[in-house]
N, C-alpha and C. Protein backbone atom coordinates (compact mmCIF):
# COMPACT_ATOMS: atom_id res chain seq x y z
N MET A 1 0.88 -1.00 0.09
CA MET A 1 -0.17 -0.29 -0.25
C MET A 1 0.57 1.30 -0.14
N LYS A 2 1.48 1.34 -0.90
CA LYS A 2 3.00 2.96 -0.65
C LYS A 2 2.33 3.64 -1.45
N ASN A 3 1.11 3.00 -2.09
CA ASN A 3 0.65 4.23 -3.00
C ASN A 3 -0.48 4.98 -1.90
N ARG A 4 -0.79 5.03 -1.02
CA ARG A 4 -1.91 5.34 -0.09
C ARG A 4 -1.06 5.99 1.13
N GLY A 5 -1.25 7.09 1.21
CA GLY A 5 -0.47 7.83 2.82
C GLY A 5 -1.45 9.39 2.64
N ILE A 6 -0.25 10.02 3.46
CA ILE A 6 -0.80 11.80 3.84
C ILE A 6 -0.04 12.67 2.65
N GLN A 7 -1.23 12.74 2.07
CA GLN A 7 -0.99 14.03 0.99
C GLN A 7 -0.30 15.05 1.45
N LEU A 8 0.59 15.69 0.04
CA LEU A 8 1.10 17.01 0.66
C LEU A 8 0.31 17.83 -0.42
N ASN A 9 0.80 19.22 0.03
CA ASN A 9 -0.19 20.81 -0.65
C ASN A 9 0.09 20.09 -2.27
N ASP A 10 -0.94 20.43 -2.90
CA ASP A 10 -1.13 19.92 -4.64
C ASP A 10 -0.82 21.52 -5.15
N SER A 11 -0.16 22.40 -4.66
CA SER A 11 0.34 23.77 -4.77
C SER A 11 1.14 23.84 -6.10
N ALA A 12 0.27 24.21 -7.44
CA ALA A 12 1.20 24.16 -8.31
C ALA A 12 2.63 25.79 -8.61
N SER A 13 2.38 26.47 -7.38
CA SER A 13 3.49 27.36 -7.35
C SER A 13 4.76 26.67 -6.82
N ALA A 14 5.58 27.01 -7.53
CA ALA A 14 6.84 26.72 -7.12
C ALA A 14 7.38 27.26 -6.20
N LEU A 15 7.26 29.11 -5.24
CA LEU A 15 7.34 29.56 -4.39
C LEU A 15 6.79 28.95 -3.00
N GLU A 16 5.52 28.08 -3.15
CA GLU A 16 5.16 27.72 -1.86
C GLU A 16 6.08 26.37 -1.37
N ASN A 17 6.51 26.31 -0.01
CA ASN A 17 7.42 25.00 0.42
C ASN A 17 6.19 23.67 -0.10
N ILE A 18 6.57 22.85 0.33
CA ILE A 18 6.35 21.16 0.34
C ILE A 18 6.00 21.03 1.93
N ASP A 19 4.66 21.30 2.44
CA ASP A 19 4.01 20.93 3.38
C ASP A 19 2.45 19.95 3.80
N LEU A 20 2.08 19.43 4.80
CA LEU A 20 0.83 18.99 5.12
C LEU A 20 -0.34 19.28 4.08
N LYS A 21 -1.09 17.99 3.76
CA LYS A 21 -2.08 18.91 2.97
C LYS A 21 -3.60 18.98 3.98
N ILE A 22 -4.17 19.71 4.97
CA ILE A 22 -4.87 19.67 5.62
C ILE A 22 -5.73 20.18 5.24
N ASP A 23 -6.92 19.39 5.99
CA ASP A 23 -8.72 19.74 5.53
C ASP A 23 -9.02 19.63 7.08
N VAL A 24 -9.43 20.89 7.70
CA VAL A 24 -9.65 20.30 9.26
C VAL A 24 -11.60 19.76 9.03
N ILE A 25 -11.71 18.79 10.13
CA ILE A 25 -13.31 19.01 10.15
C ILE A 25 -13.50 18.91 11.45
N ARG A 26 -14.86 19.32 12.04
CA ARG A 26 -14.82 19.70 13.50
C ARG A 26 -16.20 19.01 13.52
N ASP A 27 -16.40 18.16 14.90
CA ASP A 27 -17.86 17.59 15.40
C ASP A 27 -18.73 18.98 15.42
N ALA A 28 -19.68 18.55 16.41
CA ALA A 28 -20.56 19.42 16.59
C ALA A 28 -19.91 20.53 17.65
N ASP A 29 -18.72 19.75 18.36
CA ASP A 29 -19.19 20.42 19.67
C ASP A 29 -17.14 21.69 19.15
N GLY A 30 -17.32 22.02 17.57
CA GLY A 30 -16.26 22.38 17.49
C GLY A 30 -14.77 21.40 17.76
N LEU A 31 -14.41 20.60 18.47
CA LEU A 31 -13.44 19.68 18.06
C LEU A 31 -12.98 18.88 16.89
N ILE A 32 -11.67 19.22 16.58
CA ILE A 32 -11.51 18.73 15.28
C ILE A 32 -11.06 17.54 15.15
N THR A 33 -11.62 16.47 14.82
CA THR A 33 -11.79 15.33 14.53
C THR A 33 -11.37 14.54 13.72
N GLN A 34 -11.04 15.29 12.52
CA GLN A 34 -9.73 14.67 11.17
C GLN A 34 -8.80 16.13 11.23
N GLY A 35 -7.97 16.29 9.58
CA GLY A 35 -7.16 17.06 9.75
C GLY A 35 -6.46 16.64 8.89
N LEU A 36 -5.27 15.68 8.83
CA LEU A 36 -4.05 15.04 7.57
C LEU A 36 -5.33 14.71 6.08
N VAL A 37 -5.07 14.76 5.13
CA VAL A 37 -5.54 14.18 4.29
C VAL A 37 -4.96 13.21 3.77
N ILE A 38 -5.29 12.17 3.62
CA ILE A 38 -5.39 10.57 3.39
C ILE A 38 -5.38 10.78 1.60
N GLY A 39 -4.83 9.61 0.68
CA GLY A 39 -5.24 9.85 -0.26
C GLY A 39 -4.46 8.90 -1.50
N GLU A 40 -3.94 9.16 -2.23
CA GLU A 40 -3.08 8.49 -3.51
C GLU A 40 -2.73 9.39 -3.70
N ILE A 41 -0.76 8.60 -3.25
CA ILE A 41 0.49 9.59 -3.10
C ILE A 41 1.28 9.08 -4.58
N MET A 42 1.08 8.34 -5.15
CA MET A 42 2.80 7.70 -6.06
C MET A 42 2.99 8.81 -7.02
N ASN A 43 2.15 9.80 -7.39
CA ASN A 43 2.71 10.82 -8.07
C ASN A 43 3.64 11.12 -7.16
N GLN A 44 2.97 11.88 -5.94
CA GLN A 44 3.49 12.60 -5.17
C GLN A 44 5.43 11.76 -4.66
N ASN A 45 5.28 10.77 -4.55
CA ASN A 45 6.53 10.23 -4.09
C ASN A 45 7.82 9.89 -5.27
N GLN A 46 6.94 9.93 -6.39
CA GLN A 46 7.91 10.24 -7.29
C GLN A 46 8.67 11.36 -7.15
N ALA A 47 7.90 12.13 -7.02
CA ALA A 47 8.27 13.75 -7.10
C ALA A 47 9.15 14.31 -6.64
N LEU A 48 8.93 13.48 -5.01
CA LEU A 48 10.07 14.23 -4.00
C LEU A 48 11.17 12.97 -4.06
N MET A 49 11.04 11.41 -4.75
CA MET A 49 12.28 11.06 -4.74
C MET A 49 12.90 11.86 -6.10
N LEU A 50 12.01 12.96 -7.78
CA LEU A 50 13.18 13.15 -8.04
C LEU A 50 14.01 14.72 -7.67
N ILE A 51 13.33 14.98 -6.59
CA ILE A 51 14.16 16.62 -5.74
C ILE A 51 14.71 16.25 -4.64
N ALA A 52 14.49 14.77 -4.25
CA ALA A 52 15.62 14.83 -3.10
C ALA A 52 16.89 14.31 -3.53
N ASN A 53 17.93 14.78 -2.72
CA ASN A 53 19.22 14.22 -2.96
C ASN A 53 19.90 13.05 -1.34
N PRO A 54 20.36 11.92 -1.95
CA PRO A 54 20.63 11.25 -1.32
C PRO A 54 21.46 11.53 0.48
N GLY A 55 20.52 11.05 1.48
CA GLY A 55 20.56 11.55 2.48
C GLY A 55 19.58 12.02 3.32
N GLU A 56 18.46 12.85 2.43
CA GLU A 56 17.50 13.56 2.75
C GLU A 56 16.34 13.13 3.52
N PHE A 57 16.39 11.43 3.18
CA PHE A 57 15.10 10.06 3.77
C PHE A 57 16.00 9.69 4.77
N LYS A 58 15.56 9.86 5.71
CA LYS A 58 15.76 9.46 7.27
C LYS A 58 16.41 8.05 6.90
N PHE A 59 14.81 7.33 6.62
CA PHE A 59 14.88 5.71 6.82
C PHE A 59 15.55 4.99 5.77
N ASN A 60 15.78 5.91 4.50
CA ASN A 60 16.46 5.17 3.44
C ASN A 60 17.36 6.40 2.99
N PRO A 61 18.81 6.74 3.75
CA PRO A 61 19.38 7.40 2.98
C PRO A 61 20.22 7.23 1.73
N THR A 62 19.64 6.50 0.92
CA THR A 62 20.29 6.24 -0.34
C THR A 62 19.72 6.68 -1.30
N LEU A 63 18.63 7.03 -0.94
CA LEU A 63 17.65 7.46 -1.92
C LEU A 63 17.59 9.04 -1.68
N GLY A 64 17.51 9.56 -3.60
CA GLY A 64 17.00 10.26 -4.04
C GLY A 64 17.93 10.39 -5.09
N VAL A 65 16.85 10.69 -6.43
CA VAL A 65 17.88 11.44 -7.61
C VAL A 65 18.51 12.41 -7.37
N ALA A 66 18.36 13.47 -6.98
CA ALA A 66 19.10 14.78 -6.98
C ALA A 66 18.65 15.49 -8.76
N ILE A 67 17.34 15.60 -9.33
CA ILE A 67 17.82 16.03 -10.15
C ILE A 67 17.97 17.36 -10.71
N ASP A 68 18.09 18.09 -9.38
CA ASP A 68 19.00 19.51 -9.60
C ASP A 68 19.96 19.08 -9.97
N GLU A 69 20.85 18.33 -9.63
CA GLU A 69 22.69 18.46 -9.99
C GLU A 69 21.97 17.79 -11.83
N LEU A 70 21.23 17.14 -12.51
CA LEU A 70 21.24 16.00 -13.41
C LEU A 70 20.93 16.97 -14.76
N ILE A 71 19.97 18.35 -14.32
CA ILE A 71 19.50 19.29 -15.45
C ILE A 71 20.33 19.83 -16.27
N LEU A 72 21.39 20.18 -15.97
CA LEU A 72 22.12 20.78 -17.26
C LEU A 72 22.97 20.01 -16.94
N ASP A 73 23.12 18.68 -17.61
CA ASP A 73 23.51 17.64 -17.77
C ASP A 73 23.11 17.33 -19.15
N ASN A 74 23.81 16.85 -20.02
CA ASN A 74 22.97 16.34 -21.65
C ASN A 74 23.23 15.10 -21.80
N ASP A 75 23.63 14.27 -20.83
CA ASP A 75 24.06 12.82 -20.36
C ASP A 75 22.15 12.58 -20.54
N TYR A 76 21.71 12.30 -21.23
CA TYR A 76 20.41 11.64 -20.70
C TYR A 76 19.97 9.93 -20.53
N LEU A 77 21.18 9.38 -21.45
CA LEU A 77 21.31 8.16 -20.62
C LEU A 77 21.49 7.87 -19.06
N ARG A 78 23.03 8.39 -18.49
CA ARG A 78 22.92 8.76 -17.82
C ARG A 78 21.23 8.59 -16.82
N MET A 79 20.91 10.13 -16.74
CA MET A 79 19.64 10.55 -16.09
C MET A 79 19.18 9.71 -16.25
N ARG A 80 18.00 8.93 -17.01
CA ARG A 80 17.16 7.79 -17.39
C ARG A 80 17.68 7.08 -16.77
N HIS A 81 18.40 6.49 -16.06
CA HIS A 81 19.73 5.13 -15.45
C HIS A 81 19.18 5.62 -14.31
N ARG A 82 19.74 6.52 -13.35
CA ARG A 82 19.80 7.01 -12.49
C ARG A 82 18.18 6.94 -11.34
N ILE A 83 17.07 7.17 -12.94
CA ILE A 83 15.90 7.64 -12.20
C ILE A 83 15.98 6.43 -11.74
N ARG A 84 15.98 5.48 -12.88
CA ARG A 84 15.16 3.74 -12.78
C ARG A 84 15.81 3.98 -11.42
N GLU A 85 17.31 3.51 -11.28
CA GLU A 85 18.18 2.73 -9.87
C GLU A 85 17.36 3.40 -8.59
N HIS A 86 17.02 4.71 -8.52
CA HIS A 86 16.29 5.25 -7.29
C HIS A 86 15.22 5.53 -7.63
N PHE A 87 14.42 4.55 -7.99
CA PHE A 87 12.59 4.70 -7.81
C PHE A 87 12.72 2.87 -7.68
N ALA A 88 13.76 1.99 -8.21
CA ALA A 88 13.96 0.45 -7.63
C ALA A 88 13.79 0.42 -7.02
N LYS A 89 15.01 1.05 -5.90
CA LYS A 89 14.92 1.25 -4.43
C LYS A 89 13.57 1.48 -3.52
N ASP A 90 12.91 1.94 -4.05
CA ASP A 90 11.60 2.26 -3.22
C ASP A 90 10.54 1.33 -3.77
N GLY A 91 10.62 0.58 -5.02
CA GLY A 91 9.97 -0.64 -4.99
C GLY A 91 8.83 -0.16 -6.30
N LEU A 92 9.39 0.85 -6.50
CA LEU A 92 8.63 1.54 -8.04
C LEU A 92 9.57 0.84 -8.96
N ILE A 93 8.60 0.90 -10.45
CA ILE A 93 9.06 -0.32 -11.16
C ILE A 93 8.79 0.82 -12.10
N VAL A 94 10.28 0.88 -13.23
CA VAL A 94 9.78 1.86 -14.29
C VAL A 94 9.23 1.70 -15.32
N LYS A 95 7.68 1.79 -16.49
CA LYS A 95 7.92 1.33 -17.90
C LYS A 95 8.82 2.12 -18.82
N ASN A 96 8.53 2.98 -18.60
CA ASN A 96 8.79 4.00 -19.67
C ASN A 96 9.38 5.38 -18.93
N ILE A 97 10.12 6.00 -19.69
CA ILE A 97 10.76 7.28 -19.25
C ILE A 97 11.25 8.06 -20.98
N GLU A 98 10.02 9.14 -20.97
CA GLU A 98 10.19 9.97 -22.00
C GLU A 98 11.36 11.17 -21.35
N LEU A 99 12.30 11.39 -22.03
CA LEU A 99 13.06 12.27 -21.92
C LEU A 99 14.13 13.24 -22.76
N SER A 100 13.57 14.10 -23.04
CA SER A 100 14.60 14.96 -24.16
C SER A 100 14.53 16.52 -24.37
N GLU A 101 15.74 17.07 -24.78
CA GLU A 101 15.67 18.77 -24.60
C GLU A 101 14.53 18.99 -25.16
N GLY A 102 13.92 20.24 -24.31
CA GLY A 102 12.86 21.06 -24.66
C GLY A 102 11.30 20.82 -24.46
N LYS A 103 11.33 19.20 -23.47
CA LYS A 103 10.19 18.50 -23.46
C LYS A 103 10.12 18.43 -22.27
N PRO A 104 8.52 18.36 -21.42
CA PRO A 104 8.57 17.47 -20.11
C PRO A 104 8.65 16.33 -19.74
N LEU A 105 9.79 16.02 -19.02
CA LEU A 105 9.89 14.88 -18.29
C LEU A 105 8.68 14.13 -17.90
N ILE A 106 8.43 12.73 -18.88
CA ILE A 106 7.19 12.11 -18.12
C ILE A 106 7.23 10.56 -17.93
N ILE A 107 7.27 10.44 -17.05
CA ILE A 107 7.58 9.06 -16.27
C ILE A 107 6.61 7.87 -16.12
N ASP A 108 6.53 6.73 -16.37
CA ASP A 108 5.68 5.79 -16.92
C ASP A 108 5.91 4.46 -15.45
N ALA A 109 5.15 4.76 -14.15
CA ALA A 109 5.85 3.89 -13.70
C ALA A 109 4.83 3.53 -12.27
N SER A 110 5.17 2.13 -11.54
CA SER A 110 4.14 1.62 -10.81
C SER A 110 4.92 1.16 -9.46
N TYR A 111 3.91 1.05 -8.56
CA TYR A 111 4.47 -0.17 -7.34
C TYR A 111 4.38 -1.47 -7.95
N GLU A 112 5.31 -2.59 -7.17
CA GLU A 112 5.26 -3.60 -8.10
C GLU A 112 3.61 -4.53 -7.17
């Protein structure tokens, strides 16, 4: 069940920090009964792995593609290999990676 968990804000703004998605629900007395949003997180996990550097995940310190280091590199084969390698560490099976200059990165991957 790696594809369900606590969701992060889904803001498209790059200026906002990555933060928990909170939707406060109160009972009749005004007490908070729910807050964190649980749902589909596979795309979120992929995005976090892409932007993370190795050492940033406490329980898996070798995980992290560090896409910012690769972004100015023209070695697309090395970039594809690194994405596949790190996604596999989290149990993601990569079916296809579309990566070429001037086009958006598209990754087709799913958990085992």
